[in-house]
Amino acid sequence: MRTLRAAGLAGAAFLLASAAATAAPAGASPAPSPTPAPTPPPPPRPLLSDSAVAAAVARLDSTVTDGMRRTGVPGLSVAVVHDDRVVYLKGFGLRRTGEAAKVDPDTVFQLASVSKPVSSTVVAATLTDPAAWDAPLGDALPGFALKDPWVTAHVTAADLFSHRSGLPDHAGDLLEDLGYDRPYILGHLRLEPLTPFRASYAYTNFGLTAAAEAVARAHGVSWQKLSEDTLFKPAGMTRTSTEFSAYAHAPDRAYGHVRNPDGTWSPRYVRDADAQTPAGGVSSTARDMSRWLRLQLADGTLDGKRIVPAAGLDRTRVPESVTQARTPAGTPQFYGLGWNVSYDDAGRLRLSHSGGFALGANTNVTMLPLERLGIVVLTNGAPAGLADAVALDFFDTAEHGRPGTDWLALTASLYAAAAAAERSPTDYAHPPAVAKPARDPAAYTGTYRNPYYGPLTVTASPGGKGLVLSLGPRPLRFPLTHYDGDTFSFVTTGENAVGRTGVTFADGTVRVEYLDRDHLGTFTRQ
């Protein structure tokens, strides 16, 4: 098997030999000639043999079982496609801890952000002219606007699917956590500050959702019906849906699990992602996803039938935004339309996407289209690095004969670091040794308003010995714990929970720390 390093060295040797073969003899004086047009480099060629792929497939059982042992993740399902064949399809572990039902290839998992490349496939099948990705959305989605009217008038589906609209990172996600629905969230993105349009990358679930909804509305149908009619039904993805209710009522479904302090896992939460369905709300099975992989790797055909135009799929794979100018490997990383896009040192296109719900899911899809090779990994545990590690280990083995690193240790550390970075730098669980006392509760109680997050109410708790903060349309109630002076804290909840966050009262306002990342978290007393 040729490794990437060997391929690179062989390529360099070929160029040197070619140069030597075409050089003029010493001392010769060739006649002047027009400067020739540069010769384009040859296209990359497949490098992986069937035996190399077979060796990587043979290793999967041990990779998965070892990873589940190390992390404790309850259940996992994997599909591998090579040369239009499903060469691996298997489930492991339990659908739900404490019960006997096992995961199988038809167990329904939440895809989380692996929904994004699925959704871009739907749009690619709908917009038969790839140039339509670049048409301004205009008024296709009533109520949706961005802070700059010029940007609103020019933003396209491609801008929103590639996260280059200027919206800040994860704009709208905290509104979803508070219980607001999709129309409210999309209608309030106009209050979010913008970075330079098409010149900056920031990952936004609700920007992508807005684009998908606009495409569906332009065709007079719901996103679910558009997805069914253009992709799920034609591709025979019979257990795939964009609606939470379909996942919730599936008899063979994987429950989301989170890790307990003692290292065990429990299905303590339910993640309903209907508000951001195109970005994170798809549910599917390893078997259904293997059919989607076959379609992707066969340039839009499946079982001899054209489902998605090849040009449409190609459009989703073009780099649109730079996500990293220089990775640790020394190469840039891009985002296409619902895909992470990169090129390896053999010039091959690599497509991937990870998905994660802190409330209980972690997924990965990775493909080398030139090799017609892809893997999808679905798990029912909050991100612990397992889904990504299985995919990375698989491709490392296929390309190099063995993994070059402990991918699980690496991916687990990256997820842990990302979670830690979201927490407040203030340890609100431990007030200062000499804390200033709070004022009388009446100094804080009342209703405060915010144009983005809506009303916030502070009331005295039963008995009048504490305060309760209420947020959101339902609303959600958070008991406040005194920290120091006019600063309190509460424990955040939901998909974007960050532990304890600060609540500071001052001059008729209250600032909620974790809501203030984009300077939108100050509420004014009424």
Protein backbone atom coordinates (compact mmCIF):
# COMPACT_ATOMS: atom_id res chain seq x y z
CA MET A 1 0.00 0.00 0.00
CA ARG A 2 1.27 3.50 -0.82
CA THR A 3 1.13 5.85 2.14
CA LEU A 4 0.64 9.58 1.66
CA ARG A 5 4.29 10.21 2.47
CA ALA A 6 5.39 7.66 -0.11
CA ALA A 7 3.06 9.18 -2.69
CA GLY A 8 4.49 12.65 -2.03
CA LEU A 9 8.09 11.45 -2.41
CA ALA A 10 7.23 9.54 -5.57
CA GLY A 11 5.58 12.60 -7.03
CA ALA A 12 8.62 14.77 -6.30
CA ALA A 13 10.94 12.16 -7.88
CA PHE A 14 8.73 12.08 -10.99
CA LEU A 15 8.94 15.86 -11.42
CA LEU A 16 12.72 15.87 -11.02
CA ALA A 17 13.10 13.07 -13.55
CA SER A 18 10.85 14.87 -16.00
CA ALA A 19 12.82 18.07 -15.65
CA ALA A 20 16.09 16.22 -16.27
CA ALA A 21 14.71 14.46 -19.32
CA THR A 22 13.60 17.70 -20.98
CA ALA A 23 16.59 19.88 -20.10
CA ALA A 24 18.68 21.30 -23.01
CA PRO A 25 22.19 19.81 -23.59
CA ALA A 26 25.04 21.64 -21.86
CA GLY A 27 26.39 24.53 -23.94
CA ALA A 28 23.45 24.55 -26.36
CA SER A 29 21.79 27.85 -27.29
CA PRO A 30 18.18 27.10 -28.11
CA ALA A 31 16.33 29.48 -30.36
CA PRO A 32 13.93 31.88 -28.65
CA SER A 33 10.37 30.69 -28.51
CA PRO A 34 7.11 31.99 -27.12
CA THR A 35 6.61 31.43 -23.42
CA PRO A 36 4.52 28.29 -23.18
CA ALA A 37 1.30 28.25 -21.16
CA PRO A 38 1.78 26.56 -17.80
CA THR A 39 0.87 22.89 -17.79
CA PRO A 40 -1.81 22.12 -15.21
CA PRO A 41 -0.85 19.48 -12.67
CA PRO A 42 -2.26 16.03 -13.30
CA PRO A 43 -5.42 15.21 -11.34
CA PRO A 44 -4.90 13.14 -8.21
CA ARG A 45 -5.26 9.38 -8.65
CA PRO A 46 -6.80 6.86 -6.25
CA LEU A 47 -4.15 5.53 -3.90
CA LEU A 48 -6.00 3.05 -1.73
CA SER A 49 -6.11 -0.63 -2.65
CA ASP A 50 -9.01 -2.91 -1.80
CA SER A 51 -6.76 -4.73 0.65
CA ALA A 52 -5.91 -1.49 2.44
CA VAL A 53 -9.59 -0.70 2.89
CA ALA A 54 -10.30 -4.27 3.98
CA ALA A 55 -7.59 -4.01 6.64
CA ALA A 56 -9.15 -0.81 7.99
CA VAL A 57 -12.59 -2.44 8.01
CA ALA A 58 -11.20 -5.48 9.84
CA ARG A 59 -9.88 -3.21 12.59
CA LEU A 60 -13.21 -1.46 13.20
CA ASP A 61 -14.66 -3.96 15.67
CA SER A 62 -11.70 -3.62 18.02
CA THR A 63 -11.54 0.18 17.57
CA VAL A 64 -15.18 0.56 18.49
CA THR A 65 -15.23 -1.84 21.43
CA ASP A 66 -12.02 -0.39 22.87
CA GLY A 67 -13.38 3.15 22.48
CA MET A 68 -16.66 2.24 24.16
CA ARG A 69 -14.75 0.63 27.02
CA ARG A 70 -12.56 3.71 27.49
CA THR A 71 -15.38 6.25 27.29
CA GLY A 72 -18.36 4.28 28.57
CA VAL A 73 -20.54 5.58 25.70
CA PRO A 74 -23.57 3.25 25.75
CA GLY A 75 -24.35 2.75 22.06
CA LEU A 76 -22.85 3.21 18.61
CA SER A 77 -23.64 2.36 15.01
CA VAL A 78 -21.23 2.43 12.03
CA ALA A 79 -21.54 2.21 8.25
CA VAL A 80 -18.69 2.11 5.73
CA VAL A 81 -19.12 2.43 1.96
CA HIS A 82 -16.44 1.63 -0.63
CA ASP A 83 -16.88 1.47 -4.39
CA ASP A 84 -20.68 1.70 -4.08
CA ARG A 85 -20.83 -1.24 -1.68
CA VAL A 86 -21.70 -1.22 2.01
CA VAL A 87 -18.67 -3.07 3.34
CA TYR A 88 -19.44 -2.60 7.04
CA LEU A 89 -22.76 -2.06 8.84
CA LYS A 90 -23.02 -2.83 12.52
CA GLY A 91 -24.48 -1.67 15.83
CA PHE A 92 -22.86 -1.91 19.27
CA GLY A 93 -24.04 -1.53 22.82
CA LEU A 94 -27.36 -0.37 24.24
CA ARG A 95 -30.04 1.97 23.04
CA ARG A 96 -30.63 3.02 26.64
CA THR A 97 -28.75 2.19 29.81
CA GLY A 98 -30.69 0.05 32.25
CA GLU A 99 -32.56 -1.70 29.44
CA ALA A 100 -31.69 -4.75 27.36
CA ALA A 101 -32.46 -3.44 23.84
CA LYS A 102 -29.35 -3.44 21.66
CA VAL A 103 -28.28 -0.98 18.99
CA ASP A 104 -28.53 -2.37 15.46
CA PRO A 105 -28.08 -0.88 11.96
CA ASP A 106 -31.73 0.26 11.99
CA THR A 107 -31.59 2.06 15.34
CA VAL A 108 -32.55 5.72 14.91
CA PHE A 109 -30.02 8.26 16.18
CA GLN A 110 -30.08 12.03 16.28
CA LEU A 111 -27.50 13.28 13.78
CA ALA A 112 -26.89 16.69 15.40
CA SER A 113 -24.74 18.75 13.01
CA VAL A 114 -24.24 15.90 10.56
CA SER A 115 -27.68 17.19 9.57
CA LYS A 116 -25.88 20.01 7.71
CA PRO A 117 -24.37 17.96 4.85
CA VAL A 118 -27.65 16.02 4.62
CA SER A 119 -29.50 19.32 4.27
CA SER A 120 -27.06 20.66 1.69
CA THR A 121 -27.78 17.49 -0.31
CA VAL A 122 -31.49 18.34 -0.18
CA VAL A 123 -30.81 21.86 -1.46
CA ALA A 124 -28.47 20.52 -4.15
CA ALA A 125 -31.29 18.26 -5.34
CA THR A 126 -33.74 21.18 -5.28
CA LEU A 127 -31.65 23.90 -6.91
CA THR A 128 -30.94 22.07 -10.15
CA ASP A 129 -28.93 25.07 -11.36
CA PRO A 130 -25.92 25.35 -9.00
CA ALA A 131 -25.82 29.10 -9.65
CA ALA A 132 -29.10 29.40 -7.73
CA TRP A 133 -27.10 29.00 -4.51
CA ASP A 134 -25.77 32.50 -5.20
CA ALA A 135 -29.12 34.23 -5.75
CA PRO A 136 -30.08 36.70 -2.98
CA LEU A 137 -32.77 35.30 -0.71
CA GLY A 138 -34.65 38.60 -0.85
CA ASP A 139 -38.04 38.31 0.83
CA ALA A 140 -38.26 34.53 0.43
CA LEU A 141 -38.37 34.17 4.23
CA PRO A 142 -40.75 36.73 5.77
CA GLY A 143 -39.47 38.20 9.02
CA PHE A 144 -35.83 37.29 8.43
CA ALA A 145 -33.32 40.10 8.24
CA LEU A 146 -29.77 40.90 9.30
CA LYS A 147 -28.61 44.06 11.05
CA ASP A 148 -27.25 45.66 7.87
CA PRO A 149 -30.01 46.21 5.25
CA TRP A 150 -27.47 45.90 2.42
CA VAL A 151 -26.38 42.50 3.68
CA THR A 152 -30.02 41.46 4.06
CA ALA A 153 -30.62 42.38 0.41
CA HIS A 154 -27.59 40.45 -0.83
CA VAL A 155 -27.21 37.41 1.44
CA THR A 156 -27.57 34.08 -0.37
CA ALA A 157 -28.13 30.45 0.53
CA ALA A 158 -24.42 29.86 -0.15
CA ASP A 159 -23.47 32.60 2.33
CA LEU A 160 -25.59 31.07 5.08
CA PHE A 161 -24.68 27.43 4.39
CA SER A 162 -20.98 28.34 4.49
CA HIS A 163 -21.23 30.52 7.63
CA ARG A 164 -19.92 33.70 5.98
CA SER A 165 -22.95 35.97 6.48
CA GLY A 166 -21.28 37.95 9.28
CA LEU A 167 -23.55 36.58 12.01
CA PRO A 168 -21.60 35.82 15.19
CA ASP A 169 -20.74 32.30 16.23
CA HIS A 170 -23.82 30.23 17.14
CA ALA A 171 -26.15 33.22 16.82
CA GLY A 172 -29.62 32.37 18.08
CA ASP A 173 -28.69 29.17 19.93
CA LEU A 174 -29.28 30.69 23.37
CA LEU A 175 -32.75 31.84 22.32
CA GLU A 176 -33.52 28.22 21.46
CA ASP A 177 -32.29 27.10 24.88
CA LEU A 178 -34.67 29.56 26.53
CA GLY A 179 -37.59 28.00 24.65
CA TYR A 180 -38.17 30.40 21.77
CA ASP A 181 -39.42 28.93 18.52
CA ARG A 182 -37.93 29.21 15.04
CA PRO A 183 -39.96 32.24 13.85
CA TYR A 184 -38.99 34.22 16.94
CA ILE A 185 -35.31 33.29 16.62
CA LEU A 186 -35.04 34.00 12.88
CA GLY A 187 -36.94 37.26 13.39
CA HIS A 188 -34.48 38.44 16.04
CA LEU A 189 -31.24 37.67 14.22
CA ARG A 190 -31.52 41.26 12.92
CA LEU A 191 -30.33 42.42 16.35
CA GLU A 192 -27.10 40.41 16.21
CA PRO A 193 -23.92 42.37 15.47
CA LEU A 194 -22.26 41.54 12.15
CA THR A 195 -18.64 41.00 11.21
CA PRO A 196 -17.57 41.78 7.60
CA PHE A 197 -19.87 40.10 5.10
CA ARG A 198 -18.25 37.24 3.15
CA ALA A 199 -14.91 38.01 4.78
CA SER A 200 -15.28 36.14 8.05
CA TYR A 201 -16.35 32.68 9.19
CA ALA A 202 -18.58 32.01 12.19
CA TYR A 203 -20.58 28.81 12.63
CA THR A 204 -24.31 29.54 12.86
CA ASN A 205 -27.06 26.95 13.11
CA PHE A 206 -29.83 29.46 12.57
CA GLY A 207 -28.20 31.17 9.62
CA LEU A 208 -28.14 27.83 7.81
CA THR A 209 -31.69 27.13 9.01
CA ALA A 210 -32.88 30.43 7.53
CA ALA A 211 -31.41 29.53 4.13
CA ALA A 212 -32.99 26.06 4.11
CA GLU A 213 -36.36 27.45 5.14
CA ALA A 214 -36.17 30.07 2.38
CA VAL A 215 -35.48 27.38 -0.22
CA ALA A 216 -38.44 25.31 1.01
CA ARG A 217 -40.79 28.30 1.06
CA ALA A 218 -39.73 29.29 -2.46
CA HIS A 219 -40.94 25.85 -3.55
CA GLY A 220 -44.18 26.10 -1.57
CA VAL A 221 -43.53 23.21 0.83
CA SER A 222 -42.23 22.58 4.33
CA TRP A 223 -38.60 21.64 4.89
CA GLN A 224 -39.66 18.15 5.96
CA LYS A 225 -41.67 17.59 2.76
CA LEU A 226 -38.89 19.00 0.59
CA SER A 227 -36.41 16.66 2.28
CA GLU A 228 -38.70 13.65 1.85
CA ASP A 229 -39.55 14.39 -1.78
CA THR A 230 -36.06 15.23 -3.02
CA LEU A 231 -33.86 12.92 -0.95
CA PHE A 232 -35.30 10.58 1.66
CA LYS A 233 -37.93 8.84 -0.49
CA PRO A 234 -35.92 8.67 -3.73
CA ALA A 235 -32.89 7.33 -1.84
CA GLY A 236 -34.91 4.79 0.16
CA MET A 237 -33.99 6.43 3.49
CA THR A 238 -37.15 5.13 5.10
CA ARG A 239 -36.22 5.85 8.73
CA THR A 240 -34.80 9.33 8.21
CA SER A 241 -36.72 12.46 9.22
CA THR A 242 -36.26 16.14 9.96
CA GLU A 243 -38.96 16.12 12.66
CA PHE A 244 -38.26 15.43 16.32
CA SER A 245 -41.58 13.61 16.69
CA ALA A 246 -40.44 10.93 14.23
CA TYR A 247 -37.32 10.29 16.30
CA ALA A 248 -39.22 10.42 19.61
CA HIS A 249 -41.78 7.84 18.44
CA ALA A 250 -39.37 5.48 16.69
CA PRO A 251 -39.67 2.08 18.41
CA ASP A 252 -35.98 1.36 17.75
CA ARG A 253 -34.27 4.57 18.83
CA ALA A 254 -31.10 5.47 20.69
CA TYR A 255 -31.72 7.65 23.74
CA GLY A 256 -29.31 10.51 24.36
CA HIS A 257 -26.98 10.01 27.35
CA VAL A 258 -24.76 12.30 29.43
CA ARG A 259 -21.88 11.33 31.66
CA ASN A 260 -22.43 11.37 35.42
CA PRO A 261 -19.77 12.55 37.88
CA ASP A 262 -18.92 8.92 38.67
CA GLY A 263 -18.21 8.17 34.98
CA THR A 264 -21.43 6.26 34.27
CA TRP A 265 -23.92 7.42 31.64
CA SER A 266 -27.63 8.25 32.03
CA PRO A 267 -30.43 9.30 29.65
CA ARG A 268 -31.27 12.40 31.69
CA TYR A 269 -32.24 14.84 28.95
CA VAL A 270 -34.20 15.01 25.70
CA ARG A 271 -32.93 17.24 22.90
CA ASP A 272 -35.69 18.58 20.67
CA ALA A 273 -33.92 20.37 17.81
CA ASP A 274 -36.99 21.22 15.71
CA ALA A 275 -36.22 24.95 15.88
CA GLN A 276 -32.97 24.38 13.94
CA THR A 277 -34.02 21.27 12.02
CA PRO A 278 -31.93 21.76 8.83
CA ALA A 279 -28.81 22.46 10.91
CA GLY A 280 -29.19 19.87 13.65
CA GLY A 281 -32.57 18.18 13.71
CA VAL A 282 -32.26 15.23 11.32
CA SER A 283 -32.51 11.70 12.72
CA SER A 284 -31.47 8.59 10.83
CA THR A 285 -29.95 5.13 11.02
CA ALA A 286 -26.60 3.68 9.97
CA ARG A 287 -28.38 1.76 7.19
CA ASP A 288 -30.10 4.87 5.82
CA MET A 289 -26.89 6.87 6.10
CA SER A 290 -25.05 4.17 4.15
CA ARG A 291 -27.44 4.83 1.27
CA TRP A 292 -26.73 8.55 1.52
CA LEU A 293 -22.99 7.80 1.51
CA ARG A 294 -23.38 5.69 -1.61
CA LEU A 295 -25.27 8.53 -3.30
CA GLN A 296 -22.60 11.05 -2.31
CA LEU A 297 -19.73 8.85 -3.46
CA ALA A 298 -21.47 8.04 -6.76
CA ASP A 299 -21.92 11.74 -7.60
CA GLY A 300 -25.66 11.76 -6.98
CA THR A 301 -26.78 8.40 -8.34
CA LEU A 302 -28.04 5.42 -6.37
CA ASP A 303 -28.90 1.98 -7.73
CA GLY A 304 -28.64 3.34 -11.26
CA LYS A 305 -31.01 6.23 -10.63
CA ARG A 306 -30.04 9.90 -10.74
CA ILE A 307 -31.28 11.57 -7.53
CA VAL A 308 -29.08 14.67 -7.22
CA PRO A 309 -27.41 16.43 -10.16
CA ALA A 310 -23.67 15.82 -10.09
CA ALA A 311 -23.02 19.53 -10.61
CA GLY A 312 -25.21 20.29 -7.61
CA LEU A 313 -23.19 17.98 -5.34
CA ASP A 314 -19.94 19.42 -6.72
CA ARG A 315 -21.14 22.90 -5.74
CA THR A 316 -21.50 21.85 -2.10
CA ARG A 317 -17.86 20.67 -2.04
CA VAL A 318 -16.21 23.90 -3.20
CA PRO A 319 -14.35 25.83 -0.47
CA GLU A 320 -16.39 28.91 0.41
CA SER A 321 -14.91 30.07 3.74
CA VAL A 322 -11.51 29.68 5.33
CA THR A 323 -11.93 28.15 8.77
CA GLN A 324 -8.22 27.79 9.51
CA ALA A 325 -5.53 29.48 7.46
CA ARG A 326 -2.99 26.96 8.69
CA THR A 327 -3.77 23.72 10.52
CA PRO A 328 -1.17 21.85 12.62
CA ALA A 329 -0.45 19.85 9.46
CA GLY A 330 0.44 23.09 7.68
CA THR A 331 -2.52 23.10 5.31
CA PRO A 332 -5.61 25.33 5.23
CA GLN A 333 -9.07 24.13 6.24
CA PHE A 334 -12.22 25.33 4.52
CA TYR A 335 -15.98 25.14 4.84
CA GLY A 336 -18.12 24.45 1.79
CA LEU A 337 -21.90 24.20 1.75
CA GLY A 338 -22.62 22.08 4.81
CA TRP A 339 -19.20 20.38 4.65
CA ASN A 340 -15.76 20.78 6.16
CA VAL A 341 -13.51 20.77 3.10
CA SER A 342 -9.79 20.02 2.97
CA TYR A 343 -7.17 18.55 0.64
CA ASP A 344 -4.51 16.08 1.71
CA ASP A 345 -0.88 16.05 0.56
CA ALA A 346 -1.83 13.78 -2.32
CA GLY A 347 -4.25 16.43 -3.59
CA ARG A 348 -7.35 14.45 -2.68
CA LEU A 349 -10.53 16.16 -1.56
CA ARG A 350 -11.58 15.22 1.98
CA LEU A 351 -15.10 15.99 3.22
CA SER A 352 -16.19 15.64 6.81
CA HIS A 353 -18.54 16.88 9.48
CA SER A 354 -18.99 16.21 13.17
CA GLY A 355 -22.14 16.58 15.20
CA GLY A 356 -22.65 16.90 18.91
CA PHE A 357 -25.40 17.50 21.41
CA ALA A 358 -24.22 18.20 24.94
CA LEU A 359 -27.53 16.60 25.95
CA GLY A 360 -26.57 13.27 24.43
CA ALA A 361 -25.29 12.69 20.88
CA ASN A 362 -22.02 12.66 18.95
CA THR A 363 -21.69 11.81 15.25
CA ASN A 364 -19.21 11.95 12.40
CA VAL A 365 -19.17 11.52 8.64
CA THR A 366 -15.94 11.50 6.64
CA MET A 367 -15.42 10.82 2.92
CA LEU A 368 -12.62 10.65 0.37
CA PRO A 369 -14.67 11.01 -2.85
CA LEU A 370 -11.74 10.12 -5.11
CA GLU A 371 -11.38 6.80 -3.29
CA ARG A 372 -15.17 6.34 -3.21
CA LEU A 373 -14.72 5.64 0.50
CA GLY A 374 -16.77 6.99 3.39
CA ILE A 375 -17.71 6.25 6.99
CA VAL A 376 -20.50 7.42 9.24
CA VAL A 377 -20.41 6.93 13.02
CA LEU A 378 -23.45 7.54 15.23
CA THR A 379 -23.35 7.49 19.04
CA ASN A 380 -25.89 8.12 21.79
CA GLY A 381 -23.53 9.84 24.23
CA ALA A 382 -22.63 13.49 24.69
CA PRO A 383 -19.38 14.37 22.89
CA ALA A 384 -16.51 12.35 24.33
CA GLY A 385 -14.52 12.12 21.10
CA LEU A 386 -15.55 8.56 20.22
CA ALA A 387 -17.40 9.18 16.95
CA ASP A 388 -14.59 11.32 15.54
CA ALA A 389 -11.88 8.97 16.80
CA VAL A 390 -13.44 5.95 15.10
CA ALA A 391 -13.53 7.80 11.77
CA LEU A 392 -9.99 9.17 12.13
CA ASP A 393 -8.61 5.78 13.16
CA PHE A 394 -10.35 4.14 10.20
CA PHE A 395 -8.90 6.47 7.57
CA ASP A 396 -5.48 6.51 9.20
CA THR A 397 -5.41 2.71 9.03
CA ALA A 398 -6.65 2.66 5.43
CA GLU A 399 -4.02 5.17 4.32
CA HIS A 400 -1.03 4.22 6.48
CA GLY A 401 -1.64 0.66 7.62
CA ARG A 402 -2.07 1.65 11.25
CA PRO A 403 -3.17 4.71 13.26
CA GLY A 404 -0.43 7.24 13.78
CA THR A 405 -1.76 8.51 17.07
CA ASP A 406 -4.23 7.77 19.84
CA TRP A 407 -7.12 9.55 18.17
CA LEU A 408 -9.51 9.02 21.07
CA ALA A 409 -7.18 10.69 23.56
CA LEU A 410 -6.76 13.62 21.17
CA THR A 411 -10.43 14.12 20.29
CA ALA A 412 -11.54 13.70 23.91
CA SER A 413 -9.09 16.38 25.01
CA LEU A 414 -10.31 18.76 22.31
CA TYR A 415 -13.94 18.37 23.36
CA ALA A 416 -13.01 18.79 27.02
CA ALA A 417 -11.02 21.93 26.28
CA ALA A 418 -13.88 23.40 24.23
CA ALA A 419 -16.34 22.77 27.07
CA ALA A 420 -14.00 24.29 29.65
CA ALA A 421 -13.49 27.41 27.53
CA GLU A 422 -17.22 28.18 27.68
CA ARG A 423 -17.30 28.33 31.47
CA SER A 424 -17.10 31.62 33.35
CA PRO A 425 -13.67 32.65 34.63
CA THR A 426 -15.38 33.45 37.94
CA ASP A 427 -15.97 30.58 40.35
CA TYR A 428 -19.45 31.56 41.50
CA ALA A 429 -19.78 28.43 43.60
CA HIS A 430 -17.22 29.89 46.04
CA PRO A 431 -17.98 33.51 47.06
CA PRO A 432 -15.18 35.75 48.31
CA ALA A 433 -14.13 35.16 51.92
CA VAL A 434 -15.31 38.69 52.72
CA ALA A 435 -18.30 39.20 50.45
CA LYS A 436 -20.34 42.41 50.44
CA PRO A 437 -23.94 41.77 51.56
CA ALA A 438 -26.86 41.95 49.15
CA ARG A 439 -29.46 44.70 49.45
CA ASP A 440 -33.06 44.10 50.41
CA PRO A 441 -34.80 41.80 47.87
CA ALA A 442 -37.09 44.65 46.83
CA ALA A 443 -34.05 46.39 45.32
CA TYR A 444 -33.85 43.64 42.72
CA THR A 445 -37.38 42.36 42.13
CA GLY A 446 -39.34 43.48 39.10
CA THR A 447 -39.53 43.05 35.35
CA TYR A 448 -36.63 43.88 33.08
CA ARG A 449 -36.80 44.01 29.30
CA ASN A 450 -34.44 43.21 26.46
CA PRO A 451 -35.28 43.51 22.73
CA TYR A 452 -33.43 40.27 21.92
CA TYR A 453 -34.08 37.92 24.86
CA GLY A 454 -37.49 39.32 25.85
CA PRO A 455 -38.59 39.91 29.44
CA LEU A 456 -36.68 38.87 32.53
CA THR A 457 -38.49 38.78 35.85
CA VAL A 458 -36.95 38.68 39.32
CA THR A 459 -39.25 37.63 42.15
CA ALA A 460 -38.82 36.74 45.79
CA SER A 461 -38.77 33.02 46.41
CA PRO A 462 -41.37 31.48 48.75
CA GLY A 463 -40.61 32.68 52.27
CA GLY A 464 -38.89 35.78 50.94
CA LYS A 465 -35.41 34.44 51.70
CA GLY A 466 -34.13 34.33 48.15
CA LEU A 467 -34.62 35.46 44.58
CA VAL A 468 -35.79 33.64 41.46
CA LEU A 469 -34.95 34.81 37.93
CA SER A 470 -37.37 33.89 35.12
CA LEU A 471 -36.48 33.91 31.42
CA GLY A 472 -38.01 32.78 28.15
CA PRO A 473 -41.55 32.30 26.84
CA ARG A 474 -42.51 29.46 29.21
CA PRO A 475 -40.70 30.82 31.32
CA LEU A 476 -37.68 29.00 32.79
CA ARG A 477 -37.07 29.67 36.49
CA PHE A 478 -33.58 29.90 38.00
CA PRO A 479 -33.00 30.30 41.76
CA LEU A 480 -30.34 32.93 42.36
CA THR A 481 -27.43 32.38 44.72
CA HIS A 482 -25.76 35.43 46.24
CA TYR A 483 -22.10 35.88 45.32
CA ASP A 484 -20.90 39.37 46.25
CA GLY A 485 -22.72 42.68 46.63
CA ASP A 486 -25.16 43.07 43.76
CA THR A 487 -23.86 40.00 41.95
CA PHE A 488 -25.66 36.67 42.04
CA SER A 489 -25.41 33.46 40.03
CA PHE A 490 -27.51 30.60 38.73
CA VAL A 491 -26.89 27.22 37.12
CA THR A 492 -27.52 27.33 33.37
CA THR A 493 -29.49 24.60 31.62
CA GLY A 494 -30.02 23.35 28.09
CA GLU A 495 -27.83 22.41 25.16
CA ASN A 496 -25.57 25.43 25.69
CA ALA A 497 -25.30 25.24 29.47
CA VAL A 498 -22.01 26.61 30.84
CA GLY A 499 -22.31 25.82 34.53
CA ARG A 500 -22.84 28.77 36.85
CA THR A 501 -23.15 32.21 35.31
CA GLY A 502 -23.17 35.66 36.86
CA VAL A 503 -26.13 38.01 37.27
CA THR A 504 -25.17 41.61 38.12
CA PHE A 505 -27.62 44.36 39.07
CA ALA A 506 -26.62 48.02 38.53
CA ASP A 507 -28.48 51.30 37.96
CA GLY A 508 -31.82 49.80 36.96
CA THR A 509 -30.32 47.10 34.79
CA VAL A 510 -29.36 43.47 35.15
CA ARG A 511 -26.64 41.80 33.09
CA VAL A 512 -26.71 38.03 32.60
CA GLU A 513 -23.15 37.00 31.91
CA TYR A 514 -23.58 34.01 29.60
CA LEU A 515 -26.18 35.83 27.50
CA ASP A 516 -23.83 38.76 26.98
CA ARG A 517 -21.21 37.21 24.69
CA ASP A 518 -22.39 39.42 21.81
CA HIS A 519 -23.24 42.36 24.14
CA LEU A 520 -26.95 41.57 24.05
CA GLY A 521 -27.33 40.36 27.63
CA THR A 522 -28.30 43.53 29.52
CA PHE A 523 -31.94 43.96 30.57
CA THR A 524 -33.50 47.31 31.58
CA ARG A 525 -35.91 47.57 34.48
CA GLN A 526 -39.47 48.64 33.67
